[in-house]
Amino acid sequence: MAGIIHEAQNKDIVASIRADAAALAREMIDLAHLHKGQIVVVGCSTSETVGETVGSWSIPEVGQAIYDGLAEVFSPCGIYIAAQCCEHLNRALIAEREAVPGAEIVNVVPQPKAGGSFATAAYRTMAHPVALEAIKADAGIDIGGTLIGMHLKAVAVPVRPAQNHVGKALVICARTRPKCIGGERAVYDEALKEGYSF
Protein backbone atom coordinates (compact mmCIF):
# COMPACT_ATOMS: atom_id res chain seq x y z
CA MET A 1 0.00 0.00 0.00
CA ALA A 2 2.93 2.36 0.48
CA GLY A 3 3.32 2.56 -3.31
CA ILE A 4 -0.32 3.59 -3.70
CA ILE A 5 0.05 6.36 -1.13
CA HIS A 6 3.25 7.60 -2.77
CA GLU A 7 1.58 7.59 -6.20
CA ALA A 8 -1.48 9.43 -4.87
CA GLN A 9 0.71 12.09 -3.30
CA ASN A 10 2.51 12.70 -6.61
CA LYS A 11 1.37 16.19 -7.62
CA ASP A 12 1.38 15.39 -11.34
CA ILE A 13 -0.87 12.35 -10.86
CA VAL A 14 -3.26 14.26 -8.60
CA ALA A 15 -3.39 17.15 -11.10
CA SER A 16 -4.10 14.70 -13.93
CA ILE A 17 -6.95 13.10 -11.96
CA ARG A 18 -8.44 16.54 -11.27
CA ALA A 19 -8.21 17.40 -14.98
CA ASP A 20 -9.96 14.12 -15.88
CA ALA A 21 -12.80 14.95 -13.48
CA ALA A 22 -13.20 18.47 -14.87
CA ALA A 23 -13.26 17.18 -18.46
CA LEU A 24 -15.89 14.62 -17.48
CA ALA A 25 -18.06 17.29 -15.84
CA ARG A 26 -17.91 19.47 -18.97
CA GLU A 27 -19.07 16.55 -21.12
CA MET A 28 -21.84 15.63 -18.70
CA ILE A 29 -23.37 19.10 -18.85
CA ASP A 30 -23.98 18.56 -22.57
CA LEU A 31 -24.72 14.84 -22.60
CA ALA A 32 -27.21 14.98 -19.72
CA HIS A 33 -28.65 18.41 -20.67
CA LEU A 34 -27.84 19.69 -17.17
CA HIS A 35 -28.82 23.16 -16.03
CA LYS A 36 -28.92 25.34 -12.94
CA GLY A 37 -30.53 23.77 -9.89
CA GLN A 38 -30.11 20.16 -10.97
CA ILE A 39 -28.30 17.52 -8.95
CA VAL A 40 -25.67 15.02 -10.11
CA VAL A 41 -25.06 12.07 -7.80
CA VAL A 42 -21.40 11.03 -7.85
CA GLY A 43 -20.03 7.77 -6.52
CA CYS A 44 -16.28 7.44 -6.44
CA SER A 45 -13.69 4.83 -5.56
CA THR A 46 -10.33 6.46 -4.99
CA SER A 47 -8.83 2.96 -4.86
CA GLU A 48 -9.99 2.23 -8.41
CA THR A 49 -8.76 5.65 -9.52
CA VAL A 50 -5.17 4.62 -8.75
CA GLY A 51 -5.60 1.12 -10.17
CA GLU A 52 -6.49 -0.86 -7.05
CA THR A 53 -9.61 -2.83 -6.07
CA VAL A 54 -12.65 -0.84 -4.93
CA GLY A 55 -12.73 -0.49 -1.14
CA SER A 56 -9.12 -1.49 -0.63
CA TRP A 57 -7.59 1.92 0.05
CA SER A 58 -9.16 5.32 0.67
CA ILE A 59 -6.92 8.15 -0.54
CA PRO A 60 -7.88 11.68 0.65
CA GLU A 61 -5.70 13.53 -1.90
CA VAL A 62 -7.41 11.72 -4.76
CA GLY A 63 -10.90 12.24 -3.34
CA GLN A 64 -10.23 15.96 -3.00
CA ALA A 65 -8.81 16.20 -6.54
CA ILE A 66 -11.89 14.54 -8.03
CA TYR A 67 -14.29 16.68 -6.03
CA ASP A 68 -12.41 19.87 -6.96
CA GLY A 69 -12.32 18.95 -10.66
CA LEU A 70 -16.07 18.31 -10.78
CA ALA A 71 -16.96 21.34 -8.66
CA GLU A 72 -14.87 23.78 -10.70
CA VAL A 73 -17.14 23.01 -13.67
CA PHE A 74 -20.51 22.32 -12.03
CA SER A 75 -20.54 25.05 -9.38
CA PRO A 76 -20.33 28.08 -11.71
CA CYS A 77 -23.30 26.58 -13.63
CA GLY A 78 -25.38 26.19 -10.46
CA ILE A 79 -25.32 22.39 -10.74
CA TYR A 80 -25.10 20.56 -7.42
CA ILE A 81 -23.06 17.49 -6.52
CA ALA A 82 -24.49 14.82 -4.22
CA ALA A 83 -21.48 12.79 -3.08
CA GLN A 84 -22.36 9.17 -2.40
CA CYS A 85 -20.71 7.64 0.65
CA CYS A 86 -19.46 4.06 0.63
CA GLU A 87 -21.42 1.07 1.89
CA HIS A 88 -20.18 1.57 5.46
CA LEU A 89 -22.63 4.50 5.61
CA ASN A 90 -25.27 2.64 3.56
CA ARG A 91 -24.47 4.81 0.53
CA ALA A 92 -25.77 7.94 2.23
CA LEU A 93 -25.14 11.23 0.42
CA ILE A 94 -23.49 14.55 1.17
CA ALA A 95 -25.07 17.59 -0.50
CA GLU A 96 -25.31 21.34 -0.10
CA ARG A 97 -28.23 22.23 2.16
CA GLU A 98 -29.65 24.67 -0.43
CA ALA A 99 -29.81 21.88 -3.03
CA VAL A 100 -32.22 19.78 -0.94
CA PRO A 101 -34.70 22.10 0.80
CA GLY A 102 -37.12 20.18 2.96
CA ALA A 103 -35.15 16.93 2.76
CA GLU A 104 -34.85 14.75 5.85
CA ILE A 105 -31.30 15.21 7.10
CA VAL A 106 -29.40 12.50 8.97
CA ASN A 107 -26.44 12.92 11.30
CA VAL A 108 -23.17 11.47 10.09
CA VAL A 109 -19.79 12.95 9.16
CA PRO A 110 -17.99 10.88 6.52
CA GLN A 111 -14.39 9.83 7.09
CA PRO A 112 -11.97 8.21 4.63
CA LYS A 113 -12.58 4.73 6.09
CA ALA A 114 -16.30 5.18 6.80
CA GLY A 115 -17.87 7.11 3.97
CA GLY A 116 -14.90 7.33 1.63
CA SER A 117 -12.39 9.97 0.63
CA PHE A 118 -14.61 11.54 -2.03
CA ALA A 119 -17.57 12.07 0.31
CA THR A 120 -15.16 13.30 3.00
CA ALA A 121 -13.77 15.86 0.57
CA ALA A 122 -17.28 16.99 -0.32
CA TYR A 123 -18.23 17.38 3.36
CA ARG A 124 -15.10 19.42 4.08
CA THR A 125 -15.40 21.59 0.97
CA MET A 126 -19.12 22.37 0.66
CA ALA A 127 -20.34 25.60 2.24
CA HIS A 128 -23.21 23.98 4.19
CA PRO A 129 -23.01 20.18 3.82
CA VAL A 130 -25.80 17.92 4.99
CA ALA A 131 -26.13 14.13 4.97
CA LEU A 132 -29.13 12.36 3.45
CA GLU A 133 -30.12 8.71 3.23
CA ALA A 134 -31.59 9.03 -0.25
CA ILE A 135 -32.02 11.40 -3.16
CA LYS A 136 -33.51 11.32 -6.67
CA ALA A 137 -30.81 12.94 -8.79
CA ASP A 138 -31.09 14.24 -12.34
CA ALA A 139 -27.89 12.56 -13.53
CA GLY A 140 -25.14 10.34 -12.20
CA ILE A 141 -21.43 9.71 -12.45
CA ASP A 142 -20.02 6.41 -11.21
CA ILE A 143 -16.23 6.46 -10.92
CA GLY A 144 -14.89 2.97 -10.30
CA GLY A 145 -18.02 0.83 -10.02
CA THR A 146 -19.66 2.21 -6.87
CA LEU A 147 -23.29 1.61 -7.97
CA ILE A 148 -25.22 4.89 -7.92
CA GLY A 149 -28.48 3.74 -9.53
CA MET A 150 -30.42 3.74 -6.27
CA HIS A 151 -30.08 7.54 -6.15
CA LEU A 152 -31.28 8.38 -9.68
CA LYS A 153 -34.78 9.36 -10.80
CA ALA A 154 -36.94 6.52 -12.09
CA VAL A 155 -35.92 6.43 -15.76
CA ALA A 156 -32.15 6.39 -16.11
CA VAL A 157 -30.58 6.56 -19.57
CA PRO A 158 -26.90 5.61 -20.04
CA VAL A 159 -24.62 8.24 -21.52
CA ARG A 160 -21.15 7.49 -22.81
CA PRO A 161 -18.68 10.34 -22.41
CA ALA A 162 -15.42 10.28 -24.32
CA GLN A 163 -13.75 10.95 -20.95
CA ASN A 164 -14.59 7.44 -19.76
CA HIS A 165 -11.85 7.17 -17.12
CA VAL A 166 -10.78 9.25 -14.14
CA GLY A 167 -7.25 8.18 -13.47
CA LYS A 168 -7.41 4.40 -13.92
CA ALA A 169 -11.06 4.07 -12.88
CA LEU A 170 -13.74 3.28 -15.45
CA VAL A 171 -16.55 5.84 -15.52
CA ILE A 172 -20.21 4.98 -16.16
CA CYS A 173 -22.70 7.84 -16.45
CA ALA A 174 -26.44 8.35 -16.78
CA ARG A 175 -28.99 11.05 -17.32
CA THR A 176 -32.64 10.75 -16.40
CA ARG A 177 -35.88 11.56 -18.16
CA PRO A 178 -39.54 11.72 -17.14
CA LYS A 179 -41.56 8.53 -17.56
CA CYS A 180 -43.57 8.29 -20.79
CA ILE A 181 -47.08 7.16 -19.84
CA GLY A 182 -50.37 6.53 -21.66
CA GLY A 183 -49.69 3.85 -24.26
CA GLU A 184 -49.78 3.91 -28.05
CA ARG A 185 -52.32 6.76 -28.43
CA ALA A 186 -50.38 9.11 -26.17
CA VAL A 187 -48.54 12.12 -27.54
CA TYR A 188 -45.21 12.99 -25.96
CA ASP A 189 -43.04 16.06 -25.57
CA GLU A 190 -39.93 14.95 -27.45
CA ALA A 191 -37.71 17.40 -25.55
CA LEU A 192 -38.59 15.65 -22.28
CA LYS A 193 -37.86 12.24 -23.82
CA GLU A 194 -34.38 13.51 -24.63
CA GLY A 195 -33.86 14.46 -20.99
CA TYR A 196 -34.43 18.20 -21.18
CA SER A 197 -36.41 19.50 -18.24
CA PHE A 198 -37.70 22.99 -17.80
C-alpha atoms as a PDB file:
ATOM      1  CA  MET A   1       0.000   0.000   0.000  1.00  0.00           C
ATOM      2  CA  ALA A   2       2.931   2.361   0.476  1.00  0.00           C
ATOM      3  CA  GLY A   3       3.316   2.559  -3.314  1.00  0.00           C
ATOM      4  CA  ILE A   4      -0.319   3.592  -3.697  1.00  0.00           C
ATOM      5  CA  ILE A   5       0.053   6.361  -1.130  1.00  0.00           C
ATOM      6  CA  HIS A   6       3.247   7.598  -2.769  1.00  0.00           C
ATOM      7  CA  GLU A   7       1.579   7.586  -6.196  1.00  0.00           C
ATOM      8  CA  ALA A   8      -1.479   9.428  -4.873  1.00  0.00           C
ATOM      9  CA  GLN A   9       0.709  12.095  -3.303  1.00  0.00           C
ATOM     10  CA  ASN A  10       2.512  12.704  -6.607  1.00  0.00           C
ATOM     11  CA  LYS A  11       1.368  16.191  -7.620  1.00  0.00           C
ATOM     12  CA  ASP A  12       1.375  15.389 -11.337  1.00  0.00           C
ATOM     13  CA  ILE A  13      -0.869  12.351 -10.860  1.00  0.00           C
ATOM     14  CA  VAL A  14      -3.259  14.264  -8.597  1.00  0.00           C
ATOM     15  CA  ALA A  15      -3.390  17.153 -11.096  1.00  0.00           C
ATOM     16  CA  SER A  16      -4.097  14.696 -13.929  1.00  0.00           C
ATOM     17  CA  ILE A  17      -6.953  13.099 -11.957  1.00  0.00           C
ATOM     18  CA  ARG A  18      -8.437  16.537 -11.266  1.00  0.00           C
ATOM     19  CA  ALA A  19      -8.209  17.404 -14.977  1.00  0.00           C
ATOM     20  CA  ASP A  20      -9.960  14.119 -15.882  1.00  0.00           C
ATOM     21  CA  ALA A  21     -12.798  14.946 -13.480  1.00  0.00           C
ATOM     22  CA  ALA A  22     -13.197  18.470 -14.871  1.00  0.00           C
ATOM     23  CA  ALA A  23     -13.260  17.185 -18.462  1.00  0.00           C
ATOM     24  CA  LEU A  24     -15.888  14.620 -17.483  1.00  0.00           C
ATOM     25  CA  ALA A  25     -18.056  17.295 -15.839  1.00  0.00           C
ATOM     26  CA  ARG A  26     -17.909  19.473 -18.968  1.00  0.00           C
ATOM     27  CA  GLU A  27     -19.068  16.553 -21.117  1.00  0.00           C
ATOM     28  CA  MET A  28     -21.845  15.626 -18.697  1.00  0.00           C
ATOM     29  CA  ILE A  29     -23.369  19.098 -18.850  1.00  0.00           C
ATOM     30  CA  ASP A  30     -23.983  18.565 -22.570  1.00  0.00           C
ATOM     31  CA  LEU A  31     -24.719  14.836 -22.601  1.00  0.00           C
ATOM     32  CA  ALA A  32     -27.215  14.984 -19.718  1.00  0.00           C
ATOM     33  CA  HIS A  33     -28.649  18.409 -20.667  1.00  0.00           C
ATOM     34  CA  LEU A  34     -27.836  19.689 -17.174  1.00  0.00           C
ATOM     35  CA  HIS A  35     -28.816  23.155 -16.030  1.00  0.00           C
ATOM     36  CA  LYS A  36     -28.918  25.341 -12.941  1.00  0.00           C
ATOM     37  CA  GLY A  37     -30.528  23.770  -9.889  1.00  0.00           C
ATOM     38  CA  GLN A  38     -30.109  20.164 -10.972  1.00  0.00           C
ATOM     39  CA  ILE A  39     -28.298  17.521  -8.946  1.00  0.00           C
ATOM     40  CA  VAL A  40     -25.671  15.016 -10.112  1.00  0.00           C
ATOM     41  CA  VAL A  41     -25.058  12.069  -7.805  1.00  0.00           C
ATOM     42  CA  VAL A  42     -21.398  11.025  -7.854  1.00  0.00           C
ATOM     43  CA  GLY A  43     -20.031   7.771  -6.524  1.00  0.00           C
ATOM     44  CA  CYS A  44     -16.284   7.438  -6.445  1.00  0.00           C
ATOM     45  CA  SER A  45     -13.691   4.826  -5.556  1.00  0.00           C
ATOM     46  CA  THR A  46     -10.327   6.464  -4.990  1.00  0.00           C
ATOM     47  CA  SER A  47      -8.832   2.957  -4.857  1.00  0.00           C
ATOM     48  CA  GLU A  48      -9.987   2.235  -8.413  1.00  0.00           C
ATOM     49  CA  THR A  49      -8.760   5.655  -9.520  1.00  0.00           C
ATOM     50  CA  VAL A  50      -5.173   4.624  -8.746  1.00  0.00           C
ATOM     51  CA  GLY A  51      -5.599   1.118 -10.172  1.00  0.00           C
ATOM     52  CA  GLU A  52      -6.488  -0.865  -7.053  1.00  0.00           C
ATOM     53  CA  THR A  53      -9.610  -2.829  -6.074  1.00  0.00           C
ATOM     54  CA  VAL A  54     -12.647  -0.842  -4.930  1.00  0.00           C
ATOM     55  CA  GLY A  55     -12.729  -0.491  -1.144  1.00  0.00           C
ATOM     56  CA  SER A  56      -9.115  -1.494  -0.632  1.00  0.00           C
ATOM     57  CA  TRP A  57      -7.595   1.917   0.048  1.00  0.00           C
ATOM     58  CA  SER A  58      -9.158   5.321   0.673  1.00  0.00           C
ATOM     59  CA  ILE A  59      -6.923   8.153  -0.535  1.00  0.00           C
ATOM     60  CA  PRO A  60      -7.875  11.677   0.647  1.00  0.00           C
ATOM     61  CA  GLU A  61      -5.701  13.531  -1.900  1.00  0.00           C
ATOM     62  CA  VAL A  62      -7.409  11.720  -4.757  1.00  0.00           C
ATOM     63  CA  GLY A  63     -10.898  12.237  -3.343  1.00  0.00           C
ATOM     64  CA  GLN A  64     -10.225  15.961  -2.997  1.00  0.00           C
ATOM     65  CA  ALA A  65      -8.815  16.201  -6.539  1.00  0.00           C
ATOM     66  CA  ILE A  66     -11.889  14.545  -8.034  1.00  0.00           C
ATOM     67  CA  TYR A  67     -14.290  16.682  -6.025  1.00  0.00           C
ATOM     68  CA  ASP A  68     -12.406  19.866  -6.957  1.00  0.00           C
ATOM     69  CA  GLY A  69     -12.320  18.951 -10.656  1.00  0.00           C
ATOM     70  CA  LEU A  70     -16.066  18.313 -10.784  1.00  0.00           C
ATOM     71  CA  ALA A  71     -16.958  21.338  -8.664  1.00  0.00           C
ATOM     72  CA  GLU A  72     -14.868  23.776 -10.701  1.00  0.00           C
ATOM     73  CA  VAL A  73     -17.137  23.015 -13.668  1.00  0.00           C
ATOM     74  CA  PHE A  74     -20.508  22.316 -12.027  1.00  0.00           C
ATOM     75  CA  SER A  75     -20.536  25.049  -9.376  1.00  0.00           C
ATOM     76  CA  PRO A  76     -20.332  28.078 -11.709  1.00  0.00           C
ATOM     77  CA  CYS A  77     -23.297  26.582 -13.630  1.00  0.00           C
ATOM     78  CA  GLY A  78     -25.379  26.194 -10.462  1.00  0.00           C
ATOM     79  CA  ILE A  79     -25.319  22.393 -10.741  1.00  0.00           C
ATOM     80  CA  TYR A  80     -25.100  20.557  -7.419  1.00  0.00           C
ATOM     81  CA  ILE A  81     -23.057  17.489  -6.522  1.00  0.00           C
ATOM     82  CA  ALA A  82     -24.492  14.824  -4.221  1.00  0.00           C
ATOM     83  CA  ALA A  83     -21.477  12.793  -3.082  1.00  0.00           C
ATOM     84  CA  GLN A  84     -22.361   9.174  -2.401  1.00  0.00           C
ATOM     85  CA  CYS A  85     -20.715   7.639   0.646  1.00  0.00           C
ATOM     86  CA  CYS A  86     -19.459   4.063   0.634  1.00  0.00           C
ATOM     87  CA  GLU A  87     -21.417   1.072   1.889  1.00  0.00           C
ATOM     88  CA  HIS A  88     -20.183   1.565   5.459  1.00  0.00           C
ATOM     89  CA  LEU A  89     -22.625   4.501   5.609  1.00  0.00           C
ATOM     90  CA  ASN A  90     -25.266   2.639   3.562  1.00  0.00           C
ATOM     91  CA  ARG A  91     -24.468   4.812   0.532  1.00  0.00           C
ATOM     92  CA  ALA A  92     -25.769   7.942   2.229  1.00  0.00           C
ATOM     93  CA  LEU A  93     -25.141  11.231   0.420  1.00  0.00           C
ATOM     94  CA  ILE A  94     -23.490  14.546   1.171  1.00  0.00           C
ATOM     95  CA  ALA A  95     -25.069  17.595  -0.503  1.00  0.00           C
ATOM     96  CA  GLU A  96     -25.311  21.345  -0.098  1.00  0.00           C
ATOM     97  CA  ARG A  97     -28.232  22.225   2.160  1.00  0.00           C
ATOM     98  CA  GLU A  98     -29.651  24.665  -0.431  1.00  0.00           C
ATOM     99  CA  ALA A  99     -29.809  21.876  -3.031  1.00  0.00           C
ATOM    100  CA  VAL A 100     -32.216  19.777  -0.939  1.00  0.00           C
ATOM    101  CA  PRO A 101     -34.701  22.102   0.800  1.00  0.00           C
ATOM    102  CA  GLY A 102     -37.124  20.179   2.964  1.00  0.00           C
ATOM    103  CA  ALA A 103     -35.151  16.935   2.763  1.00  0.00           C
ATOM    104  CA  GLU A 104     -34.846  14.751   5.845  1.00  0.00           C
ATOM    105  CA  ILE A 105     -31.300  15.207   7.096  1.00  0.00           C
ATOM    106  CA  VAL A 106     -29.400  12.503   8.970  1.00  0.00           C
ATOM    107  CA  ASN A 107     -26.440  12.919  11.305  1.00  0.00           C
ATOM    108  CA  VAL A 108     -23.170  11.467  10.088  1.00  0.00           C
ATOM    109  CA  VAL A 109     -19.795  12.952   9.161  1.00  0.00           C
ATOM    110  CA  PRO A 110     -17.986  10.879   6.517  1.00  0.00           C
ATOM    111  CA  GLN A 111     -14.395   9.833   7.088  1.00  0.00           C
ATOM    112  CA  PRO A 112     -11.970   8.211   4.629  1.00  0.00           C
ATOM    113  CA  LYS A 113     -12.576   4.729   6.089  1.00  0.00           C
ATOM    114  CA  ALA A 114     -16.302   5.182   6.798  1.00  0.00           C
ATOM    115  CA  GLY A 115     -17.865   7.111   3.973  1.00  0.00           C
ATOM    116  CA  GLY A 116     -14.904   7.327   1.634  1.00  0.00           C
ATOM    117  CA  SER A 117     -12.389   9.967   0.634  1.00  0.00           C
ATOM    118  CA  PHE A 118     -14.613  11.539  -2.033  1.00  0.00           C
ATOM    119  CA  ALA A 119     -17.572  12.072   0.313  1.00  0.00           C
ATOM    120  CA  THR A 120     -15.164  13.299   3.001  1.00  0.00           C
ATOM    121  CA  ALA A 121     -13.769  15.865   0.567  1.00  0.00           C
ATOM    122  CA  ALA A 122     -17.284  16.991  -0.317  1.00  0.00           C
ATOM    123  CA  TYR A 123     -18.231  17.384   3.355  1.00  0.00           C
ATOM    124  CA  ARG A 124     -15.097  19.415   4.082  1.00  0.00           C
ATOM    125  CA  THR A 125     -15.396  21.588   0.974  1.00  0.00           C
ATOM    126  CA  MET A 126     -19.118  22.370   0.659  1.00  0.00           C
ATOM    127  CA  ALA A 127     -20.337  25.601   2.244  1.00  0.00           C
ATOM    128  CA  HIS A 128     -23.214  23.982   4.190  1.00  0.00           C
ATOM    129  CA  PRO A 129     -23.013  20.183   3.820  1.00  0.00           C
ATOM    130  CA  VAL A 130     -25.799  17.916   4.989  1.00  0.00           C
ATOM    131  CA  ALA A 131     -26.126  14.127   4.970  1.00  0.00           C
ATOM    132  CA  LEU A 132     -29.134  12.365   3.453  1.00  0.00           C
ATOM    133  CA  GLU A 133     -30.118   8.714   3.231  1.00  0.00           C
ATOM    134  CA  ALA A 134     -31.591   9.027  -0.254  1.00  0.00           C
ATOM    135  CA  ILE A 135     -32.025  11.399  -3.160  1.00  0.00           C
ATOM    136  CA  LYS A 136     -33.506  11.316  -6.669  1.00  0.00           C
ATOM    137  CA  ALA A 137     -30.810  12.944  -8.787  1.00  0.00           C
ATOM    138  CA  ASP A 138     -31.095  14.238 -12.342  1.00  0.00           C
ATOM    139  CA  ALA A 139     -27.892  12.560 -13.527  1.00  0.00           C
ATOM    140  CA  GLY A 140     -25.141  10.344 -12.203  1.00  0.00           C
ATOM    141  CA  ILE A 141     -21.429   9.711 -12.449  1.00  0.00           C
ATOM    142  CA  ASP A 142     -20.025   6.411 -11.213  1.00  0.00           C
ATOM    143  CA  ILE A 143     -16.230   6.455 -10.924  1.00  0.00           C
ATOM    144  CA  GLY A 144     -14.886   2.972 -10.301  1.00  0.00           C
ATOM    145  CA  GLY A 145     -18.020   0.833 -10.016  1.00  0.00           C
ATOM    146  CA  THR A 146     -19.656   2.208  -6.870  1.00  0.00           C
ATOM    147  CA  LEU A 147     -23.287   1.605  -7.966  1.00  0.00           C
ATOM    148  CA  ILE A 148     -25.219   4.888  -7.921  1.00  0.00           C
ATOM    149  CA  GLY A 149     -28.481   3.737  -9.535  1.00  0.00           C
ATOM    150  CA  MET A 150     -30.416   3.742  -6.267  1.00  0.00           C
ATOM    151  CA  HIS A 151     -30.076   7.539  -6.150  1.00  0.00           C
ATOM    152  CA  LEU A 152     -31.284   8.383  -9.680  1.00  0.00           C
ATOM    153  CA  LYS A 153     -34.783   9.355 -10.800  1.00  0.00           C
ATOM    154  CA  ALA A 154     -36.942   6.521 -12.092  1.00  0.00           C
ATOM    155  CA  VAL A 155     -35.920   6.435 -15.763  1.00  0.00           C
ATOM    156  CA  ALA A 156     -32.146   6.389 -16.115  1.00  0.00           C
ATOM    157  CA  VAL A 157     -30.576   6.557 -19.575  1.00  0.00           C
ATOM    158  CA  PRO A 158     -26.899   5.610 -20.038  1.00  0.00           C
ATOM    159  CA  VAL A 159     -24.615   8.242 -21.524  1.00  0.00           C
ATOM    160  CA  ARG A 160     -21.148   7.490 -22.806  1.00  0.00           C
ATOM    161  CA  PRO A 161     -18.681  10.338 -22.411  1.00  0.00           C
ATOM    162  CA  ALA A 162     -15.419  10.281 -24.321  1.00  0.00           C
ATOM    163  CA  GLN A 163     -13.753  10.949 -20.954  1.00  0.00           C
ATOM    164  CA  ASN A 164     -14.590   7.439 -19.757  1.00  0.00           C
ATOM    165  CA  HIS A 165     -11.852   7.166 -17.121  1.00  0.00           C
ATOM    166  CA  VAL A 166     -10.784   9.248 -14.141  1.00  0.00           C
ATOM    167  CA  GLY A 167      -7.254   8.179 -13.468  1.00  0.00           C
ATOM    168  CA  LYS A 168      -7.406   4.403 -13.918  1.00  0.00           C
ATOM    169  CA  ALA A 169     -11.061   4.066 -12.882  1.00  0.00           C
ATOM    170  CA  LEU A 170     -13.738   3.283 -15.450  1.00  0.00           C
ATOM    171  CA  VAL A 171     -16.547   5.839 -15.521  1.00  0.00           C
ATOM    172  CA  ILE A 172     -20.210   4.983 -16.160  1.00  0.00           C
ATOM    173  CA  CYS A 173     -22.698   7.844 -16.453  1.00  0.00           C
ATOM    174  CA  ALA A 174     -26.438   8.346 -16.778  1.00  0.00           C
ATOM    175  CA  ARG A 175     -28.986  11.051 -17.322  1.00  0.00           C
ATOM    176  CA  THR A 176     -32.642  10.748 -16.401  1.00  0.00           C
ATOM    177  CA  ARG A 177     -35.883  11.564 -18.156  1.00  0.00           C
ATOM    178  CA  PRO A 178     -39.542  11.718 -17.140  1.00  0.00           C
ATOM    179  CA  LYS A 179     -41.564   8.529 -17.564  1.00  0.00           C
ATOM    180  CA  CYS A 180     -43.572   8.293 -20.791  1.00  0.00           C
ATOM    181  CA  ILE A 181     -47.081   7.165 -19.842  1.00  0.00           C
ATOM    182  CA  GLY A 182     -50.365   6.530 -21.662  1.00  0.00           C
ATOM    183  CA  GLY A 183     -49.690   3.847 -24.259  1.00  0.00           C
ATOM    184  CA  GLU A 184     -49.781   3.913 -28.051  1.00  0.00           C
ATOM    185  CA  ARG A 185     -52.322   6.758 -28.432  1.00  0.00           C
ATOM    186  CA  ALA A 186     -50.383   9.107 -26.171  1.00  0.00           C
ATOM    187  CA  VAL A 187     -48.542  12.123 -27.539  1.00  0.00           C
ATOM    188  CA  TYR A 188     -45.206  12.990 -25.960  1.00  0.00           C
ATOM    189  CA  ASP A 189     -43.038  16.062 -25.573  1.00  0.00           C
ATOM    190  CA  GLU A 190     -39.928  14.948 -27.454  1.00  0.00           C
ATOM    191  CA  ALA A 191     -37.709  17.400 -25.551  1.00  0.00           C
ATOM    192  CA  LEU A 192     -38.590  15.648 -22.283  1.00  0.00           C
ATOM    193  CA  LYS A 193     -37.860  12.240 -23.824  1.00  0.00           C
ATOM    194  CA  GLU A 194     -34.382  13.513 -24.633  1.00  0.00           C
ATOM    195  CA  GLY A 195     -33.864  14.464 -20.988  1.00  0.00           C
ATOM    196  CA  TYR A 196     -34.428  18.199 -21.184  1.00  0.00           C
ATOM    197  CA  SER A 197     -36.408  19.503 -18.238  1.00  0.00           C
ATOM    198  CA  PHE A 198     -37.704  22.991 -17.796  1.00  0.00           C
END
